[in-house]
Amino acid sequence: MLSRIRETLEASPSATHLLPGVDVASYQGAPGLWSSAAGKISWAAVKFTELQPPAGAPVPYVNPDAAADWAYLDENKLGRIAYLFGHPSVSVTATIDLFASEIRKLGLAAGDAVALDLEVTDGRGPAAVDAWAADVMAELAKRYDRTPVLYTYLSFAEAGNCASLGKYPLWISNPSRPAGKPQVPKPWKTWAIHQYSTTSGQIDRDVANYPSLAAMEAALGEPKGPDMKNIGGSITSGLAAVRWPSTVTVVAGLGTDGYVQAARWQGAWGAWKNVSPTKSKGAPALLAWGSEDGRLFYTDEAGNAIVLTTTDAGKTWK
């Protein structure tokens, strides 16, 4: 009886805003072998692949239970994270390609997350490990149009192996701290997932720092784009549009009053506003880069090319 009470407490952290989950690999077996021990969870992370050294002839490994785990989570409407175990001594491209081959087979829904499990150096120094991981994370973000999660543990991060990865959500293994109260290593200032137990039976336990599964999927899954069905406006030209990595989107065109007008989407469409200080002879052009930088180009009535700048993703143009 005491062991059952202990398992229930482990599976149900007291903080109501934390989402309980588990991470599983072939060690846990098929869902029928771990689902009961997992208890009431909101999500689970599943190991998909591992491209193992030696670098000259890497050995591909695919979790034989990944397909069953992935399908079980879908059938039970639980959140899903697909992760790959990384080896910095092997090719970034080959590592991603192996993972991608399983993604194609098993599918990746809009709310699913992807993650890199980074916990070995393969004899490489911190700078090399960090650079390799940065390339993997950037490629995951590019291929799957979502922000990948980085799993690691305290001493590994503190050694400098993750120095440039602070912009990615942190999944930290810190079983010496209570659920939802991990120590956060630099370069991070906060955490997304805390692996707080690695010794309770045969299953690792985690909590995610989101108020709901919908919020977790919105943060880690594929960003939802703006609804372009009808956003109003009085535009007489074709539209130019840009989107920043945060999914903030701006569209602009020539208004009926002769000025360049723009509308901005950040979860919902804002009102159309005149953004050019002078009238325009035609449709504008837009350019976006970085996290919030952009340019708007148009031709004024005298034929001059005018450039407006934004540093806040289209909130203001100067």
Protein backbone atom coordinates (compact mmCIF):
# COMPACT_ATOMS: atom_id res chain seq x y z
CA MET A 1 0.00 0.00 0.00
CA LEU A 2 2.78 2.47 0.90
CA SER A 3 4.52 1.80 -2.42
CA ARG A 4 1.29 2.57 -4.31
CA ILE A 5 0.86 5.85 -2.41
CA ARG A 6 4.46 6.76 -3.20
CA GLU A 7 3.96 6.03 -6.92
CA THR A 8 0.81 8.15 -6.98
CA LEU A 9 2.63 11.08 -5.40
CA GLU A 10 5.53 10.73 -7.83
CA ALA A 11 3.19 10.63 -10.80
CA SER A 12 1.09 13.58 -9.60
CA PRO A 13 3.27 16.53 -8.53
CA SER A 14 1.53 18.94 -6.19
CA ALA A 15 1.96 22.05 -8.37
CA THR A 16 -1.23 22.22 -10.41
CA HIS A 17 0.36 24.08 -13.31
CA LEU A 18 2.84 21.28 -13.99
CA LEU A 19 2.01 18.55 -16.49
CA PRO A 20 3.15 15.04 -15.48
CA GLY A 21 4.90 12.96 -18.11
CA VAL A 22 7.41 10.18 -18.66
CA ASP A 23 10.19 9.45 -21.13
CA VAL A 24 10.51 5.98 -22.59
CA ALA A 25 12.86 3.96 -24.78
CA SER A 26 13.29 0.27 -25.59
CA TYR A 27 14.34 -0.33 -21.96
CA GLN A 28 10.72 0.25 -20.90
CA GLY A 29 9.37 -1.96 -23.70
CA ALA A 30 5.99 -1.57 -25.41
CA PRO A 31 3.24 0.56 -23.83
CA GLY A 32 1.64 -2.45 -22.16
CA LEU A 33 4.77 -2.75 -20.04
CA TRP A 34 5.08 0.86 -18.91
CA SER A 35 1.67 2.57 -19.16
CA SER A 36 0.41 1.22 -15.84
CA ALA A 37 3.56 2.28 -14.00
CA ALA A 38 3.36 5.71 -15.61
CA GLY A 39 0.03 6.41 -13.98
CA LYS A 40 -1.96 9.49 -14.95
CA ILE A 41 0.19 11.45 -17.38
CA SER A 42 -0.46 14.24 -19.87
CA TRP A 43 2.41 13.50 -22.26
CA ALA A 44 5.40 11.26 -22.93
CA ALA A 45 8.70 11.53 -24.76
CA VAL A 46 9.74 8.62 -26.97
CA LYS A 47 13.26 7.80 -28.13
CA PHE A 48 13.28 7.32 -31.90
CA THR A 49 16.89 6.96 -33.01
CA GLU A 50 20.57 7.01 -32.11
CA LEU A 51 23.42 7.12 -34.63
CA GLN A 52 26.24 5.51 -32.71
CA PRO A 53 30.04 5.85 -33.18
CA PRO A 54 32.55 5.09 -34.66
CA ALA A 55 32.45 8.21 -36.81
CA GLY A 56 33.90 6.43 -39.86
CA ALA A 57 31.18 3.81 -39.88
CA PRO A 58 28.35 4.94 -37.61
CA VAL A 59 25.84 2.33 -36.51
CA PRO A 60 22.17 3.30 -36.85
CA TYR A 61 19.85 2.33 -34.02
CA VAL A 62 16.06 2.60 -34.13
CA ASN A 63 13.97 2.04 -31.02
CA PRO A 64 11.91 -1.08 -31.85
CA ASP A 65 9.09 0.07 -29.56
CA ALA A 66 8.87 3.64 -30.88
CA ALA A 67 6.04 2.87 -33.30
CA ALA A 68 3.90 1.24 -30.60
CA ASP A 69 4.67 4.03 -28.11
CA TRP A 70 3.86 6.76 -30.64
CA ALA A 71 0.57 5.14 -31.63
CA TYR A 72 -0.43 4.57 -27.99
CA LEU A 73 0.04 8.24 -27.16
CA ASP A 74 -1.99 9.28 -30.18
CA GLU A 75 -4.82 6.88 -29.37
CA ASN A 76 -5.00 8.16 -25.79
CA LYS A 77 -4.79 11.84 -26.82
CA LEU A 78 -1.56 12.41 -24.89
CA GLY A 79 1.13 14.90 -25.80
CA ARG A 80 4.12 13.54 -27.72
CA ILE A 81 7.82 14.38 -27.92
CA ALA A 82 10.02 12.50 -30.39
CA TYR A 83 13.69 12.60 -29.46
CA LEU A 84 17.01 11.46 -30.84
CA PHE A 85 20.07 10.57 -28.78
CA GLY A 86 23.03 12.56 -30.01
CA HIS A 87 26.66 11.60 -30.56
CA PRO A 88 28.85 14.64 -31.34
CA SER A 89 31.48 12.46 -33.03
CA VAL A 90 29.21 11.51 -35.93
CA SER A 91 27.80 13.53 -38.80
CA VAL A 92 25.08 16.07 -38.07
CA THR A 93 23.43 15.35 -41.41
CA ALA A 94 23.48 11.58 -40.95
CA THR A 95 22.16 11.95 -37.39
CA ILE A 96 19.22 14.08 -38.56
CA ASP A 97 18.56 11.91 -41.61
CA LEU A 98 18.17 8.78 -39.47
CA PHE A 99 15.75 10.59 -37.17
CA ALA A 100 13.86 12.03 -40.14
CA SER A 101 13.42 8.59 -41.67
CA GLU A 102 11.52 7.46 -38.57
CA ILE A 103 9.51 10.68 -38.44
CA ARG A 104 8.35 9.98 -42.00
CA LYS A 105 7.28 6.47 -41.03
CA LEU A 106 5.52 7.31 -37.77
CA GLY A 107 4.24 10.79 -38.56
CA LEU A 108 4.52 14.14 -36.80
CA ALA A 109 1.34 16.00 -35.88
CA ALA A 110 1.15 19.77 -35.52
CA GLY A 111 1.23 19.60 -31.71
CA ASP A 112 4.12 17.12 -31.47
CA ALA A 113 7.53 18.28 -30.24
CA VAL A 114 11.02 17.15 -31.24
CA ALA A 115 14.07 17.02 -28.99
CA LEU A 116 17.79 16.30 -28.87
CA ASP A 117 19.10 14.18 -25.98
CA LEU A 118 22.59 15.60 -25.41
CA GLU A 119 24.53 13.91 -22.64
CA VAL A 120 27.77 12.48 -24.11
CA THR A 121 30.85 14.21 -25.55
CA ASP A 122 32.41 11.27 -27.44
CA GLY A 123 35.77 12.67 -26.30
CA ARG A 124 35.20 16.11 -27.84
CA GLY A 125 35.75 19.39 -26.04
CA PRO A 126 32.89 21.61 -24.85
CA ALA A 127 33.15 24.05 -27.76
CA ALA A 128 32.98 21.25 -30.33
CA VAL A 129 30.07 19.56 -28.57
CA ASP A 130 28.18 22.84 -28.34
CA ALA A 131 28.78 23.65 -32.02
CA TRP A 132 27.61 20.18 -33.08
CA ALA A 133 24.47 20.44 -30.98
CA ALA A 134 23.74 23.95 -32.28
CA ASP A 135 23.84 22.60 -35.85
CA VAL A 136 21.51 19.73 -34.94
CA MET A 137 19.02 22.03 -33.22
CA ALA A 138 19.03 24.51 -36.10
CA GLU A 139 18.39 21.73 -38.60
CA LEU A 140 15.57 20.27 -36.50
CA ALA A 141 13.95 23.71 -36.32
CA LYS A 142 14.32 24.17 -40.09
CA ARG A 143 12.98 20.74 -41.07
CA TYR A 144 10.03 20.61 -38.69
CA ASP A 145 9.07 24.29 -38.33
CA ARG A 146 8.96 24.16 -34.55
CA THR A 147 11.34 24.95 -31.71
CA PRO A 148 13.25 21.81 -30.66
CA VAL A 149 13.80 20.95 -27.01
CA LEU A 150 17.26 20.30 -25.57
CA TYR A 151 17.62 17.52 -22.96
CA THR A 152 20.72 17.49 -20.81
CA TYR A 153 21.87 17.23 -17.19
CA LEU A 154 23.43 19.73 -14.82
CA SER A 155 27.13 18.88 -14.81
CA PHE A 156 27.11 18.41 -18.58
CA ALA A 157 25.67 21.87 -19.14
CA GLU A 158 27.89 23.43 -16.47
CA ALA A 159 30.94 22.07 -18.32
CA GLY A 160 30.11 24.35 -21.25
CA ASN A 161 28.73 21.74 -23.62
CA CYS A 162 25.54 23.76 -24.18
CA ALA A 163 26.95 27.29 -24.12
CA SER A 164 25.07 28.58 -27.18
CA LEU A 165 21.82 26.66 -26.74
CA GLY A 166 20.02 28.94 -24.27
CA LYS A 167 17.45 30.04 -26.85
CA TYR A 168 15.98 26.54 -26.93
CA PRO A 169 13.54 25.14 -24.32
CA LEU A 170 15.44 23.27 -21.60
CA TRP A 171 14.60 19.74 -20.54
CA ILE A 172 16.81 19.31 -17.50
CA SER A 173 17.59 16.09 -15.68
CA ASN A 174 17.89 17.03 -12.01
CA PRO A 175 16.59 14.14 -9.88
CA SER A 176 18.08 15.58 -6.69
CA ARG A 177 15.48 18.37 -6.67
CA PRO A 178 11.69 18.15 -6.07
CA ALA A 179 9.42 17.98 -9.08
CA GLY A 180 9.08 21.38 -10.71
CA LYS A 181 11.96 22.95 -8.79
CA PRO A 182 15.08 22.11 -10.80
CA GLN A 183 18.37 23.93 -10.69
CA VAL A 184 18.69 25.80 -13.98
CA PRO A 185 22.23 25.87 -15.45
CA LYS A 186 23.62 28.63 -17.63
CA PRO A 187 22.96 29.75 -20.34
CA TRP A 188 19.28 29.17 -19.48
CA LYS A 189 17.24 31.35 -17.18
CA THR A 190 14.22 29.06 -17.00
CA TRP A 191 13.19 25.51 -17.78
CA ALA A 192 10.53 23.78 -19.87
CA ILE A 193 10.69 20.17 -18.59
CA HIS A 194 12.15 18.73 -15.41
CA GLN A 195 13.16 15.06 -15.23
CA TYR A 196 12.87 14.70 -11.48
CA SER A 197 13.00 10.93 -10.99
CA THR A 198 15.18 8.32 -12.67
CA THR A 199 15.02 5.62 -9.99
CA SER A 200 11.31 4.91 -9.44
CA GLY A 201 11.01 1.42 -10.86
CA GLN A 202 11.82 1.22 -14.55
CA ILE A 203 10.46 4.55 -15.72
CA ASP A 204 11.76 8.11 -15.69
CA ARG A 205 9.34 10.78 -14.52
CA ASP A 206 9.06 14.37 -15.68
CA VAL A 207 6.95 17.48 -15.31
CA ALA A 208 6.43 20.10 -18.02
CA ASN A 209 6.22 23.76 -17.07
CA TYR A 210 2.98 24.60 -18.90
CA PRO A 211 -0.53 25.27 -17.57
CA SER A 212 -2.17 22.85 -20.00
CA LEU A 213 -1.37 20.35 -22.72
CA ALA A 214 -2.73 22.82 -25.26
CA ALA A 215 -0.25 25.43 -24.02
CA MET A 216 2.61 22.94 -24.18
CA GLU A 217 1.71 21.93 -27.74
CA ALA A 218 1.37 25.57 -28.76
CA ALA A 219 4.84 26.33 -27.38
CA LEU A 220 6.68 23.26 -28.64
CA GLY A 221 4.65 22.16 -31.65
CA GLU A 222 4.29 23.67 -35.10
CA PRO A 223 3.36 27.36 -34.84
CA LYS A 224 -0.16 28.23 -35.94
CA GLY A 225 -0.20 30.74 -38.73
CA PRO A 226 -2.63 33.62 -39.10
CA ASP A 227 -6.11 33.23 -40.57
CA MET A 228 -5.92 34.90 -43.99
CA LYS A 229 -9.56 34.34 -45.00
CA ASN A 230 -10.74 37.92 -44.48
CA ILE A 231 -8.75 40.53 -42.59
CA GLY A 232 -10.53 43.57 -43.99
CA GLY A 233 -8.72 46.69 -45.08
CA SER A 234 -9.07 49.04 -48.09
CA ILE A 235 -6.12 47.99 -50.24
CA THR A 236 -5.78 48.80 -53.95
CA SER A 237 -2.56 46.88 -54.66
CA GLY A 238 -1.16 43.42 -54.21
CA LEU A 239 -0.07 42.49 -50.70
CA ALA A 240 3.45 41.97 -49.37
CA ALA A 241 3.88 39.75 -46.31
CA VAL A 242 6.61 38.62 -43.90
CA ARG A 243 6.75 36.35 -40.86
CA TRP A 244 9.26 36.25 -38.01
CA PRO A 245 10.30 33.03 -36.18
CA SER A 246 7.90 33.96 -33.36
CA THR A 247 5.10 33.62 -36.00
CA VAL A 248 4.32 37.36 -35.86
CA THR A 249 3.18 38.24 -39.38
CA VAL A 250 2.83 41.59 -41.15
CA VAL A 251 1.01 42.25 -44.43
CA ALA A 252 1.15 45.58 -46.23
CA GLY A 253 -0.33 47.18 -49.32
CA LEU A 254 -1.29 50.50 -50.91
CA GLY A 255 -4.38 51.93 -49.25
CA THR A 256 -7.16 53.78 -51.05
CA ASP A 257 -5.83 57.00 -49.48
CA GLY A 258 -2.49 56.55 -51.24
CA TYR A 259 -0.49 55.65 -48.12
CA VAL A 260 1.09 52.31 -47.35
CA GLN A 261 -1.05 50.43 -44.84
CA ALA A 262 -0.09 47.40 -42.75
CA ALA A 263 -1.84 44.89 -40.52
CA ARG A 264 -0.05 42.80 -37.90
CA TRP A 265 -0.88 39.31 -36.63
CA GLN A 266 0.21 38.13 -33.17
CA GLY A 267 -2.34 35.53 -32.18
CA ALA A 268 -5.03 37.75 -33.71
CA TRP A 269 -5.12 40.39 -36.43
CA GLY A 270 -4.68 44.01 -35.42
CA ALA A 271 -6.25 46.94 -37.26
CA TRP A 272 -4.94 48.25 -40.58
CA LYS A 273 -2.78 51.35 -40.02
CA ASN A 274 -1.02 53.85 -42.25
CA VAL A 275 2.70 53.25 -41.82
CA SER A 276 4.27 55.41 -44.54
CA PRO A 277 4.93 59.11 -43.82
CA THR A 278 4.22 59.98 -47.47
CA LYS A 279 2.01 58.63 -50.23
CA SER A 280 3.21 55.74 -52.36
CA LYS A 281 3.11 55.20 -56.12
CA GLY A 282 2.58 51.46 -55.81
CA ALA A 283 2.68 48.33 -53.69
CA PRO A 284 5.33 48.08 -50.96
CA ALA A 285 7.87 45.32 -50.37
CA LEU A 286 8.74 43.71 -47.03
CA LEU A 287 11.83 42.01 -45.65
CA ALA A 288 12.28 40.28 -42.27
CA TRP A 289 15.30 38.74 -40.52
CA GLY A 290 16.50 37.87 -37.05
CA SER A 291 13.99 37.78 -34.23
CA GLU A 292 12.22 41.13 -34.83
CA ASP A 293 14.10 43.16 -37.46
CA GLY A 294 12.61 44.17 -40.78
CA ARG A 295 12.41 46.68 -43.64
CA LEU A 296 9.51 48.10 -45.64
CA PHE A 297 10.25 49.58 -49.07
CA TYR A 298 8.05 51.82 -51.21
CA THR A 299 8.30 54.55 -53.87
CA ASP A 300 6.99 58.00 -52.99
CA GLU A 301 5.18 60.31 -55.41
CA ALA A 302 8.46 61.97 -56.43
CA GLY A 303 9.92 58.62 -57.44
CA ASN A 304 12.24 58.27 -54.45
CA ALA A 305 12.81 54.85 -52.92
CA ILE A 306 11.88 55.05 -49.24
CA VAL A 307 13.01 52.57 -46.60
CA LEU A 308 11.26 52.16 -43.24
CA THR A 309 12.78 50.11 -40.41
CA THR A 310 11.26 48.01 -37.63
CA THR A 311 13.08 46.47 -34.68
CA ASP A 312 9.95 45.21 -32.92
CA ALA A 313 8.42 42.87 -35.55
CA GLY A 314 6.24 45.49 -37.17
CA LYS A 315 4.78 47.23 -34.12
CA THR A 316 6.43 50.45 -35.25
CA TRP A 317 8.06 51.60 -38.51
CA LYS A 318 10.56 54.49 -38.71
